[in-house]
Amino acid sequence: MGGTFSRLNYSDRIKNYLSSNRKKRKLEECDDEEFFGQYMNPKKRKMVCTAKYIYKALFLDGQEYDIIVDVLDKEWKLHKIYLQQSPYFASMFSGSWNETNKSYVKIEVPDPNVTLEALTVLFGSLYPSDEVTLEPCNIVAVLAAATLFQCEGLIDQCADVMLQTISPLTAVNYYNAACQYNLTEVKQKTLKFFNINLINYFQEHADRLRHIGEDLMAELVNSKDLCVVQMEFSLYLMLRHWMFLRLHPDTVSSNPDRPDHSYEENYFKERSLDEPEFLLTEEGNQFVRIFRGLRLEHVIIHVEDFNNIIEDRIIPHTWLYPTLVSLWHQVLHNENMTESDSLDVAEDVFYAKCMRLGRVVVSKEPAISWRWNGFMMGLNLVWCLTPQYLSVKRHRQQVMPNTFARNLVCRITVISQDQQKQVTAEQCSGIVKFSLVRFEEVQVMDLTKDLTYPITISISLLISTPNSKPALPPISTITIEQPPPAPVSTASLTA
């Protein structure tokens, strides 16, 4: 029994071996292909890189430091070999300075913009690391620290971040920093941002408007690229609002979305008539150069606007007097002009004397038409916007009966913006010259497909040749004779 069992068992084992051997070959053939694929595509495992290790061990933990730098009453355990990437420290350690061979250095910081958080970013940027984290809320402080220690690479990174993050929240700080630390490109882009949004956005947001300084406002008011939404009188109203906010920095509107301007209006209008106009007072003198940038000949072209300016008693009457005389001189000139009169003016004269007009179009429509109300030297211009073009039509005469062609010069800029109020698309016509007879329409600009709504339309327009103001004596030298007293009747004396 035992032998038989053994033979059967042995035979079964042979069969099992042969069967399993065939399966094994098939499995090995299959596994070879799979393993080869895995061999060519190994699994990736993230390891702690050398840069991160050095950053943590040497900078964050301060291991093996060879110098202590005391800045803003905080001690930093650092390493000269990394600090020497900064020309500031390179000069300190390689020259004949007292600090050259010292292991403890105290540095005075004259710039109040430098903060401890910014110093952490700056010193950390000198050590090996994957990236430097720059936040818009802290970027000016980092820029100040980078400028102090002459780290050009970090300065360039700050400028790049600033260019990408200009918004109503950051624009004022970025402009001031660009002026202080000589960032030309950042200054130019923030100026462009303000030129587009000063009246379109900041006028209705007192918490942003109040922080615009006198130097910046003076530059904007005099800018040829300023987008004046509606007409020049809108700029006057914005300046009045801004001036009040600068004088009363703690004023808070009860409804920021719909500010109430009645208090500031009364503030200027209710001043005593015995006092001079506000800009002639000691309090208002600081704003004179800003209001000088107003183009008064385009501010006082509507009777209600003119009345408001007189009642506000902000602008001195000595400014208005020559402007009114010049305007009347221009009216007389236009009434007697001929069809041959052209508008051949130099570019700088055009930008200095043109009307600044603007409009915001919220949605895309088949066609939308409008006109800017006010005295336009006998012209009645109707503007029409379609998705394809912008045109202007000379409608019926308003005042002057001349029927011949009138020459005009304009420059048109159309702008689309994102939620940060940054420009996403822009189209400019350049200076365009054309003439219009009554009821004639001219297409002045073809629009590109890149524009998205809402869009801002800014137009610089010259409708008559600027004339030099007639030579007039100062108004203070002009005397007005008092009328003689009325004769007293004999009857009244007898009575």
Protein backbone atom coordinates (compact mmCIF):
# COMPACT_ATOMS: atom_id res chain seq x y z
CA MET A 1 0.00 0.00 0.00
CA GLY A 2 2.76 2.32 0.87
CA GLY A 3 4.61 1.65 -2.38
CA THR A 4 1.53 2.16 -4.49
CA PHE A 5 0.75 5.38 -2.71
CA SER A 6 4.28 6.58 -3.24
CA ARG A 7 4.23 5.87 -6.94
CA LEU A 8 0.91 7.65 -7.39
CA ASN A 9 2.10 10.54 -5.37
CA TYR A 10 5.31 10.81 -7.34
CA SER A 11 3.40 10.67 -10.67
CA ASP A 12 1.06 13.40 -9.51
CA ARG A 13 3.99 15.50 -8.48
CA ILE A 14 5.56 15.18 -11.93
CA LYS A 15 2.32 16.23 -13.59
CA ASN A 16 1.93 19.11 -11.22
CA TYR A 17 5.50 20.25 -11.84
CA LEU A 18 5.13 20.16 -15.62
CA SER A 19 1.82 21.99 -15.44
CA SER A 20 3.14 24.64 -13.07
CA ASN A 21 6.30 25.09 -15.15
CA ARG A 22 4.26 25.92 -18.26
CA LYS A 23 2.20 28.46 -16.29
CA LYS A 24 5.38 29.90 -14.85
CA ARG A 25 6.83 30.56 -18.29
CA LYS A 26 3.65 32.35 -19.36
CA LEU A 27 3.66 34.42 -16.18
CA GLU A 28 7.34 35.25 -16.60
CA GLU A 29 6.75 36.38 -20.18
CA CYS A 30 3.88 38.59 -19.02
CA ASP A 31 5.78 39.90 -16.01
CA ASP A 32 8.82 40.81 -18.11
CA GLU A 33 6.74 43.17 -20.22
CA GLU A 34 5.10 44.73 -17.16
CA PHE A 35 8.35 45.05 -15.24
CA PHE A 36 10.07 46.59 -18.27
CA GLY A 37 7.36 49.22 -18.45
CA GLN A 38 7.75 49.96 -14.77
CA TYR A 39 11.51 50.04 -15.21
CA MET A 40 11.25 52.65 -17.94
CA ASN A 41 8.67 54.67 -15.92
CA PRO A 42 9.87 54.57 -12.34
CA LYS A 43 7.75 55.94 -9.52
CA LYS A 44 8.58 59.50 -8.51
CA ARG A 45 9.28 60.28 -4.89
CA LYS A 46 9.63 63.88 -3.63
CA MET A 47 12.70 64.29 -1.46
CA VAL A 48 13.86 67.24 0.57
CA CYS A 49 16.03 69.23 -1.83
CA THR A 50 19.33 70.77 -0.88
CA ALA A 51 18.05 74.33 -1.36
CA LYS A 52 15.18 73.83 1.08
CA TYR A 53 17.48 72.15 3.58
CA ILE A 54 19.98 75.02 3.43
CA TYR A 55 17.20 77.60 3.71
CA LYS A 56 15.74 75.93 6.79
CA ALA A 57 18.95 74.95 8.53
CA LEU A 58 20.98 78.08 7.86
CA PHE A 59 18.45 80.88 7.52
CA LEU A 60 15.44 79.81 9.58
CA ASP A 61 17.37 77.91 12.27
CA GLY A 62 20.57 80.01 12.09
CA GLN A 63 22.94 77.07 12.29
CA GLU A 64 26.67 77.71 11.86
CA TYR A 65 26.13 81.47 11.61
CA ASP A 66 29.17 83.72 11.46
CA ILE A 67 27.53 87.13 11.91
CA ILE A 68 24.62 88.66 13.78
CA VAL A 69 22.87 91.54 12.05
CA ASP A 70 20.75 93.78 14.29
CA VAL A 71 18.07 95.61 12.29
CA LEU A 72 14.96 97.28 13.75
CA ASP A 73 15.90 95.86 17.17
CA LYS A 74 15.84 92.27 15.95
CA GLU A 75 18.94 90.06 15.72
CA TRP A 76 19.38 87.90 12.64
CA LYS A 77 21.85 85.00 12.73
CA LEU A 78 23.19 85.00 9.19
CA HIS A 79 26.14 84.01 7.00
CA LYS A 80 28.54 86.38 5.29
CA ILE A 81 28.93 84.17 2.23
CA TYR A 82 25.24 84.66 1.40
CA LEU A 83 24.97 88.26 2.57
CA GLN A 84 27.72 89.29 0.14
CA GLN A 85 25.25 88.87 -2.74
CA SER A 86 24.06 92.28 -1.59
CA PRO A 87 26.43 95.08 -2.71
CA TYR A 88 25.67 96.76 0.61
CA PHE A 89 27.12 93.87 2.60
CA ALA A 90 29.79 93.06 0.01
CA SER A 91 31.19 96.54 0.46
CA MET A 92 30.91 96.27 4.24
CA PHE A 93 32.80 92.99 4.49
CA SER A 94 35.52 93.64 1.90
CA GLY A 95 36.48 97.24 2.65
CA SER A 96 38.17 99.05 5.46
CA TRP A 97 34.96 99.62 7.40
CA ASN A 98 34.71 99.13 11.12
CA GLU A 99 32.22 96.32 10.52
CA THR A 100 34.47 94.36 8.14
CA ASN A 101 35.82 91.90 10.69
CA LYS A 102 33.08 92.12 13.27
CA SER A 103 30.69 89.29 14.04
CA TYR A 104 27.95 91.65 15.27
CA VAL A 105 26.64 94.53 13.18
CA LYS A 106 23.88 96.99 14.04
CA ILE A 107 22.28 98.75 11.05
CA GLU A 108 20.20 101.90 11.28
CA VAL A 109 17.20 102.09 8.94
CA PRO A 110 16.24 105.65 7.92
CA ASP A 111 13.35 104.54 5.69
CA PRO A 112 10.08 104.11 7.67
CA ASN A 113 8.71 101.84 4.94
CA VAL A 114 11.08 99.02 5.95
CA THR A 115 9.41 96.45 8.24
CA LEU A 116 10.51 93.28 10.02
CA GLU A 117 8.34 91.21 7.70
CA ALA A 118 10.05 92.80 4.69
CA LEU A 119 13.49 92.10 6.16
CA THR A 120 12.55 88.45 6.56
CA VAL A 121 11.73 88.30 2.86
CA LEU A 122 14.91 90.15 1.91
CA PHE A 123 17.37 88.12 3.99
CA GLY A 124 15.59 84.92 3.01
CA SER A 125 15.95 85.78 -0.68
CA LEU A 126 19.75 85.69 -0.29
CA TYR A 127 19.65 82.01 0.68
CA PRO A 128 18.93 79.09 -1.70
CA SER A 129 15.18 78.59 -1.96
CA ASP A 130 12.60 77.54 -4.52
CA GLU A 131 10.86 80.91 -4.62
CA VAL A 132 10.36 84.26 -2.93
CA THR A 133 6.81 85.04 -1.78
CA LEU A 134 5.82 88.63 -2.54
CA GLU A 135 2.39 89.86 -1.49
CA PRO A 136 0.87 93.12 -2.79
CA CYS A 137 0.04 94.21 0.77
CA ASN A 138 3.74 94.01 1.72
CA ILE A 139 5.42 94.76 -1.59
CA VAL A 140 6.32 98.40 -0.88
CA ALA A 141 8.04 97.43 2.37
CA VAL A 142 10.03 94.70 0.59
CA LEU A 143 10.96 97.17 -2.14
CA ALA A 144 12.17 99.62 0.51
CA ALA A 145 14.31 96.94 2.15
CA ALA A 146 15.69 95.76 -1.20
CA THR A 147 16.60 99.34 -2.09
CA LEU A 148 18.32 99.89 1.26
CA PHE A 149 20.51 96.80 0.77
CA GLN A 150 20.90 97.34 -3.01
CA CYS A 151 19.41 93.97 -4.03
CA GLU A 152 18.67 94.67 -7.70
CA GLY A 153 17.21 91.24 -8.40
CA LEU A 154 14.63 91.58 -5.65
CA ILE A 155 13.87 95.16 -6.75
CA ASP A 156 13.06 93.87 -10.25
CA GLN A 157 10.81 91.15 -8.82
CA CYS A 158 8.96 93.74 -6.74
CA ALA A 159 8.45 95.89 -9.83
CA ASP A 160 7.07 92.92 -11.78
CA VAL A 161 4.56 92.10 -9.03
CA MET A 162 3.49 95.75 -8.79
CA LEU A 163 2.90 95.98 -12.54
CA GLN A 164 0.61 92.94 -12.35
CA THR A 165 -1.37 94.01 -9.29
CA ILE A 166 -2.24 97.69 -9.85
CA SER A 167 -5.80 98.23 -8.63
CA PRO A 168 -7.83 100.85 -6.73
CA LEU A 169 -6.48 99.32 -3.50
CA THR A 170 -2.81 99.58 -4.46
CA ALA A 171 -2.51 102.38 -7.03
CA VAL A 172 -1.72 105.27 -4.66
CA ASN A 173 0.91 103.34 -2.67
CA TYR A 174 2.47 102.00 -5.87
CA TYR A 175 2.69 105.46 -7.41
CA ASN A 176 4.30 106.96 -4.31
CA ALA A 177 6.74 104.06 -4.08
CA ALA A 178 7.60 104.30 -7.77
CA CYS A 179 8.47 107.98 -7.33
CA GLN A 180 10.48 107.37 -4.16
CA TYR A 181 12.44 104.36 -5.45
CA ASN A 182 12.71 105.43 -9.09
CA LEU A 183 10.64 102.70 -10.75
CA THR A 184 9.90 104.41 -14.07
CA GLU A 185 7.74 101.70 -15.60
CA VAL A 186 5.60 101.31 -12.48
CA LYS A 187 5.11 105.08 -12.30
CA GLN A 188 4.03 105.27 -15.93
CA LYS A 189 1.55 102.42 -15.58
CA THR A 190 0.02 103.78 -12.37
CA LEU A 191 -0.33 107.20 -14.01
CA LYS A 192 -2.15 105.57 -16.88
CA PHE A 193 -4.38 103.77 -14.37
CA PHE A 194 -5.28 107.06 -12.70
CA ASN A 195 -5.81 108.85 -16.01
CA ILE A 196 -8.49 106.31 -16.89
CA ASN A 197 -10.12 105.86 -13.48
CA LEU A 198 -9.79 109.21 -11.68
CA ILE A 199 -13.30 110.43 -12.52
CA ASN A 200 -14.70 107.10 -13.62
CA TYR A 201 -14.00 105.39 -10.26
CA PHE A 202 -12.23 107.45 -7.60
CA GLN A 203 -14.73 110.31 -7.63
CA GLU A 204 -17.38 108.00 -6.15
CA HIS A 205 -15.05 106.33 -3.64
CA ALA A 206 -14.02 108.88 -1.04
CA ASP A 207 -11.93 106.36 0.91
CA ARG A 208 -9.68 106.00 -2.15
CA LEU A 209 -9.86 109.56 -3.46
CA ARG A 210 -8.74 111.20 -0.22
CA HIS A 211 -5.32 109.46 -0.39
CA ILE A 212 -4.33 110.99 -3.73
CA GLY A 213 -1.69 113.62 -2.92
CA GLU A 214 -1.33 117.12 -4.31
CA ASP A 215 1.63 116.27 -6.57
CA LEU A 216 -0.14 113.34 -8.19
CA MET A 217 -3.39 115.27 -8.63
CA ALA A 218 -1.57 118.20 -10.24
CA GLU A 219 0.04 115.83 -12.74
CA LEU A 220 -3.28 114.17 -13.56
CA VAL A 221 -5.26 117.39 -14.04
CA ASN A 222 -2.62 118.63 -16.50
CA SER A 223 -2.35 115.30 -18.34
CA LYS A 224 -3.29 115.13 -22.02
CA ASP A 225 -4.38 111.53 -21.43
CA LEU A 226 -6.83 112.23 -18.60
CA CYS A 227 -10.20 110.62 -19.31
CA VAL A 228 -12.76 113.25 -18.33
CA VAL A 229 -16.09 111.44 -18.14
CA GLN A 230 -18.79 113.83 -19.38
CA MET A 231 -17.16 117.29 -19.64
CA GLU A 232 -14.56 119.51 -17.96
CA PHE A 233 -17.09 120.61 -15.33
CA SER A 234 -17.06 117.00 -14.04
CA LEU A 235 -13.38 117.46 -13.33
CA TYR A 236 -14.12 120.65 -11.39
CA LEU A 237 -16.70 118.81 -9.24
CA MET A 238 -14.24 116.00 -8.58
CA LEU A 239 -11.55 118.50 -7.54
CA ARG A 240 -13.96 120.26 -5.20
CA HIS A 241 -14.82 116.91 -3.60
CA TRP A 242 -11.17 115.86 -3.37
CA MET A 243 -10.09 119.20 -1.87
CA PHE A 244 -12.78 118.93 0.81
CA LEU A 245 -11.60 115.39 1.66
CA ARG A 246 -7.99 116.55 1.93
CA LEU A 247 -9.04 119.33 4.28
CA HIS A 248 -11.26 116.98 6.32
CA PRO A 249 -9.52 113.56 6.25
CA ASP A 250 -11.79 112.09 8.93
CA THR A 251 -15.00 112.72 6.99
CA VAL A 252 -16.90 109.46 6.43
CA SER A 253 -19.87 109.19 4.08
CA SER A 254 -22.95 107.46 5.45
CA ASN A 255 -23.41 105.74 2.08
CA PRO A 256 -20.14 105.20 0.16
CA ASP A 257 -22.03 104.00 -2.92
CA ARG A 258 -24.06 107.24 -3.07
CA PRO A 259 -22.01 109.96 -1.44
CA ASP A 260 -23.83 113.09 -0.32
CA HIS A 261 -21.96 116.20 -1.51
CA SER A 262 -24.32 118.75 0.06
CA TYR A 263 -22.13 119.29 3.12
CA GLU A 264 -19.04 120.11 1.10
CA GLU A 265 -21.08 122.37 -1.20
CA ASN A 266 -22.31 124.35 1.79
CA TYR A 267 -18.81 124.42 3.23
CA PHE A 268 -17.63 126.56 0.33
CA LYS A 269 -20.82 128.44 -0.52
CA GLU A 270 -21.62 129.59 3.01
CA ARG A 271 -18.34 131.38 3.54
CA SER A 272 -18.65 135.09 4.23
CA LEU A 273 -18.76 137.37 1.21
CA ASP A 274 -16.17 139.52 2.94
CA GLU A 275 -13.63 136.71 2.58
CA PRO A 276 -11.69 136.24 -0.66
CA GLU A 277 -12.29 133.26 -2.95
CA PHE A 278 -11.15 130.05 -1.29
CA LEU A 279 -8.02 129.53 -3.39
CA LEU A 280 -6.80 132.97 -2.29
CA THR A 281 -6.98 132.03 1.40
CA GLU A 282 -4.13 130.54 3.38
CA GLU A 283 -6.07 127.29 3.67
CA GLY A 284 -6.71 127.03 -0.06
CA ASN A 285 -3.32 128.21 -1.32
CA GLN A 286 -1.93 124.65 -1.41
CA PHE A 287 -4.49 123.72 -4.08
CA VAL A 288 -3.87 126.62 -6.48
CA ARG A 289 -1.56 124.70 -8.83
CA ILE A 290 -4.10 121.87 -9.12
CA PHE A 291 -7.03 124.14 -10.06
CA ARG A 292 -4.76 125.99 -12.49
CA GLY A 293 -4.84 122.79 -14.54
CA LEU A 294 -8.56 123.21 -15.19
CA ARG A 295 -9.42 124.44 -18.68
CA LEU A 296 -11.80 127.16 -17.60
CA GLU A 297 -12.82 127.98 -21.16
CA HIS A 298 -14.39 124.49 -21.28
CA VAL A 299 -15.75 124.57 -17.72
CA ILE A 300 -17.99 127.64 -18.05
CA ILE A 301 -19.84 126.65 -21.22
CA HIS A 302 -23.16 125.88 -19.53
CA VAL A 303 -25.14 128.50 -17.62
CA GLU A 304 -25.91 126.25 -14.62
CA ASP A 305 -22.30 125.18 -14.33
CA PHE A 306 -21.14 128.79 -14.50
CA ASN A 307 -23.61 129.77 -11.78
CA ASN A 308 -22.34 126.96 -9.53
CA ILE A 309 -18.75 128.12 -9.91
CA ILE A 310 -19.70 131.69 -9.01
CA GLU A 311 -21.66 130.50 -5.97
CA ASP A 312 -18.88 128.16 -4.77
CA ARG A 313 -16.43 131.08 -4.64
CA ILE A 314 -13.50 128.70 -4.94
CA ILE A 315 -11.95 130.01 -8.17
CA PRO A 316 -10.81 133.66 -8.01
CA HIS A 317 -12.73 136.07 -10.24
CA THR A 318 -9.35 137.26 -11.47
CA TRP A 319 -9.04 133.87 -13.21
CA LEU A 320 -12.52 134.03 -14.71
CA TYR A 321 -12.26 137.57 -16.07
CA PRO A 322 -9.61 136.92 -18.80
CA THR A 323 -11.26 133.58 -19.64
CA LEU A 324 -14.61 135.24 -20.30
CA VAL A 325 -13.02 137.93 -22.45
CA SER A 326 -11.14 135.28 -24.42
CA LEU A 327 -14.31 133.26 -24.94
CA TRP A 328 -16.22 136.28 -26.21
CA HIS A 329 -13.33 137.08 -28.53
CA GLN A 330 -13.54 133.48 -29.83
CA VAL A 331 -17.29 133.78 -30.40
CA LEU A 332 -16.80 136.92 -32.51
CA HIS A 333 -14.01 135.27 -34.45
CA ASN A 334 -16.12 132.19 -35.22
CA GLU A 335 -19.07 134.28 -36.36
CA ASN A 336 -16.88 135.95 -38.97
CA MET A 337 -14.85 132.94 -40.05
CA THR A 338 -14.93 131.69 -43.64
CA GLU A 339 -14.86 128.19 -45.09
CA SER A 340 -11.17 128.57 -45.83
CA ASP A 341 -10.31 128.86 -42.13
CA SER A 342 -8.51 125.69 -41.10
CA LEU A 343 -7.40 124.12 -37.85
CA ASP A 344 -3.69 123.76 -38.47
CA VAL A 345 -2.34 123.74 -34.93
CA ALA A 346 0.76 122.17 -33.44
CA GLU A 347 0.30 118.93 -31.53
CA ASP A 348 1.21 120.48 -28.17
CA VAL A 349 -1.29 123.31 -28.76
CA PHE A 350 -3.99 120.78 -29.60
CA TYR A 351 -3.46 118.83 -26.38
CA ALA A 352 -3.30 122.02 -24.28
CA LYS A 353 -6.45 123.67 -25.70
CA CYS A 354 -8.77 120.82 -26.71
CA MET A 355 -11.99 119.90 -24.94
CA ARG A 356 -11.75 116.74 -22.83
CA LEU A 357 -14.89 114.65 -23.18
CA GLY A 358 -15.78 111.13 -22.12
CA ARG A 359 -18.51 108.54 -21.79
CA VAL A 360 -18.89 105.03 -20.37
CA VAL A 361 -20.95 102.60 -22.44
CA VAL A 362 -22.09 99.72 -20.25
CA SER A 363 -23.49 97.20 -22.73
CA LYS A 364 -23.09 96.30 -26.36
CA GLU A 365 -25.98 97.63 -28.43
CA PRO A 366 -26.70 97.86 -32.17
CA ALA A 367 -26.29 101.65 -31.95
CA ILE A 368 -26.23 104.31 -29.26
CA SER A 369 -26.21 108.07 -29.82
CA TRP A 370 -25.51 111.02 -27.54
CA ARG A 371 -24.38 114.65 -27.48
CA TRP A 372 -22.47 116.65 -24.89
CA ASN A 373 -24.54 119.64 -23.82
CA GLY A 374 -22.98 123.06 -23.55
CA PHE A 375 -21.91 125.94 -25.73
CA MET A 376 -19.96 124.47 -28.67
CA MET A 377 -19.25 127.56 -30.75
CA GLY A 378 -22.28 127.03 -32.97
CA LEU A 379 -21.81 123.29 -33.50
CA ASN A 380 -24.33 120.60 -32.60
CA LEU A 381 -22.43 117.32 -32.73
CA VAL A 382 -24.16 113.96 -32.30
CA TRP A 383 -21.92 110.95 -31.65
CA CYS A 384 -22.98 107.41 -32.58
CA LEU A 385 -21.41 104.16 -31.38
CA THR A 386 -21.99 100.78 -33.00
CA PRO A 387 -20.08 97.52 -32.41
CA GLN A 388 -18.13 98.27 -35.60
CA TYR A 389 -17.38 102.00 -35.54
CA LEU A 390 -17.73 105.43 -33.91
CA SER A 391 -19.10 108.31 -35.96
CA VAL A 392 -19.97 111.98 -35.47
CA LYS A 393 -22.74 113.93 -37.21
CA ARG A 394 -23.21 117.67 -37.48
CA HIS A 395 -26.86 118.27 -36.66
CA ARG A 396 -28.91 121.45 -36.96
CA GLN A 397 -27.27 124.71 -35.96
CA GLN A 398 -27.57 125.78 -32.34
CA VAL A 399 -26.75 129.47 -32.52
CA MET A 400 -24.62 130.57 -35.42
CA PRO A 401 -26.18 130.62 -38.88
CA ASN A 402 -23.04 129.72 -40.87
CA THR A 403 -23.75 126.81 -43.20
CA PHE A 404 -20.30 126.15 -44.63
CA ALA A 405 -18.08 123.28 -43.59
CA ARG A 406 -16.48 123.44 -40.16
CA ASN A 407 -13.06 121.91 -39.54
CA LEU A 408 -12.48 119.76 -36.47
CA VAL A 409 -9.55 117.92 -34.89
CA CYS A 410 -9.94 115.06 -32.45
CA ARG A 411 -8.22 112.11 -30.84
CA ILE A 412 -10.33 109.15 -29.67
CA THR A 413 -9.35 106.43 -27.21
CA VAL A 414 -11.55 103.42 -26.47
CA ILE A 415 -10.70 101.25 -23.46
CA SER A 416 -11.86 97.95 -21.94
CA GLN A 417 -11.00 97.03 -18.35
CA ASP A 418 -11.11 94.03 -16.05
CA GLN A 419 -12.41 93.88 -12.46
CA GLN A 420 -9.14 95.35 -11.17
CA LYS A 421 -9.73 98.33 -13.47
CA GLN A 422 -6.65 97.38 -15.46
CA VAL A 423 -6.72 97.81 -19.23
CA THR A 424 -7.46 94.62 -21.15
CA ALA A 425 -7.86 96.24 -24.58
CA GLU A 426 -7.17 99.73 -25.86
CA GLN A 427 -7.54 101.43 -29.21
CA CYS A 428 -6.45 104.96 -30.10
CA SER A 429 -7.21 106.83 -33.30
CA GLY A 430 -4.33 109.27 -33.07
CA ILE A 431 -5.00 112.86 -34.10
CA VAL A 432 -7.69 112.92 -36.79
CA LYS A 433 -8.68 115.97 -38.87
CA PHE A 434 -11.98 116.23 -40.76
CA SER A 435 -14.65 118.72 -41.79
CA LEU A 436 -18.45 118.65 -41.47
CA VAL A 437 -21.24 120.49 -43.26
CA ARG A 438 -24.76 120.51 -41.86
CA PHE A 439 -26.30 117.02 -41.50
CA GLU A 440 -23.06 115.34 -42.63
CA GLU A 441 -21.84 112.27 -40.73
CA VAL A 442 -18.23 111.08 -40.64
CA GLN A 443 -16.97 107.74 -39.41
CA VAL A 444 -13.99 108.67 -37.26
CA MET A 445 -12.92 105.29 -35.89
CA ASP A 446 -13.27 101.58 -36.74
CA LEU A 447 -13.48 99.39 -33.62
CA THR A 448 -11.57 96.15 -33.13
CA LYS A 449 -13.13 92.91 -31.91
CA ASP A 450 -10.88 92.81 -28.84
CA LEU A 451 -12.99 95.38 -27.00
CA THR A 452 -15.28 94.03 -24.28
CA TYR A 453 -18.04 95.95 -22.52
CA PRO A 454 -18.29 98.12 -20.54
CA ILE A 455 -16.01 100.42 -22.50
CA THR A 456 -14.74 103.94 -21.76
CA ILE A 457 -14.62 106.44 -24.63
CA SER A 458 -12.27 109.39 -24.18
CA ILE A 459 -12.29 112.16 -26.79
CA SER A 460 -10.00 115.17 -27.15
CA LEU A 461 -11.79 117.64 -29.43
CA LEU A 462 -10.81 121.00 -30.92
CA ILE A 463 -13.63 122.85 -32.69
CA SER A 464 -12.03 126.23 -33.34
CA THR A 465 -8.56 127.70 -33.67
CA PRO A 466 -7.26 128.69 -30.23
CA ASN A 467 -6.65 132.40 -29.98
CA SER A 468 -4.27 134.18 -27.71
CA LYS A 469 -6.02 136.07 -24.95
CA PRO A 470 -6.26 139.80 -25.63
CA ALA A 471 -3.89 141.93 -23.59
CA LEU A 472 -6.00 143.22 -20.71
CA PRO A 473 -5.16 145.22 -17.61
CA PRO A 474 -5.39 143.34 -14.31
CA ILE A 475 -8.92 143.36 -13.00
CA SER A 476 -7.73 144.98 -9.79
CA THR A 477 -6.85 148.13 -11.76
CA ILE A 478 -10.31 148.47 -13.29
CA THR A 479 -12.64 150.85 -11.51
CA ILE A 480 -16.37 151.01 -11.98
CA GLU A 481 -17.86 154.45 -11.71
CA GLN A 482 -20.73 154.74 -9.28
CA PRO A 483 -23.94 156.11 -10.80
CA PRO A 484 -24.83 159.63 -9.69
CA PRO A 485 -27.38 159.85 -6.88
CA ALA A 486 -31.01 160.17 -7.97
CA PRO A 487 -32.33 163.73 -7.79
CA VAL A 488 -34.47 164.46 -4.79
CA SER A 489 -37.89 165.91 -5.69
CA THR A 490 -39.06 169.19 -4.28
CA ALA A 491 -42.22 167.58 -3.02
CA SER A 492 -40.32 165.19 -0.83
CA LEU A 493 -38.25 168.03 0.61
CA THR A 494 -41.40 170.03 1.41
CA ALA A 495 -42.94 167.03 3.07
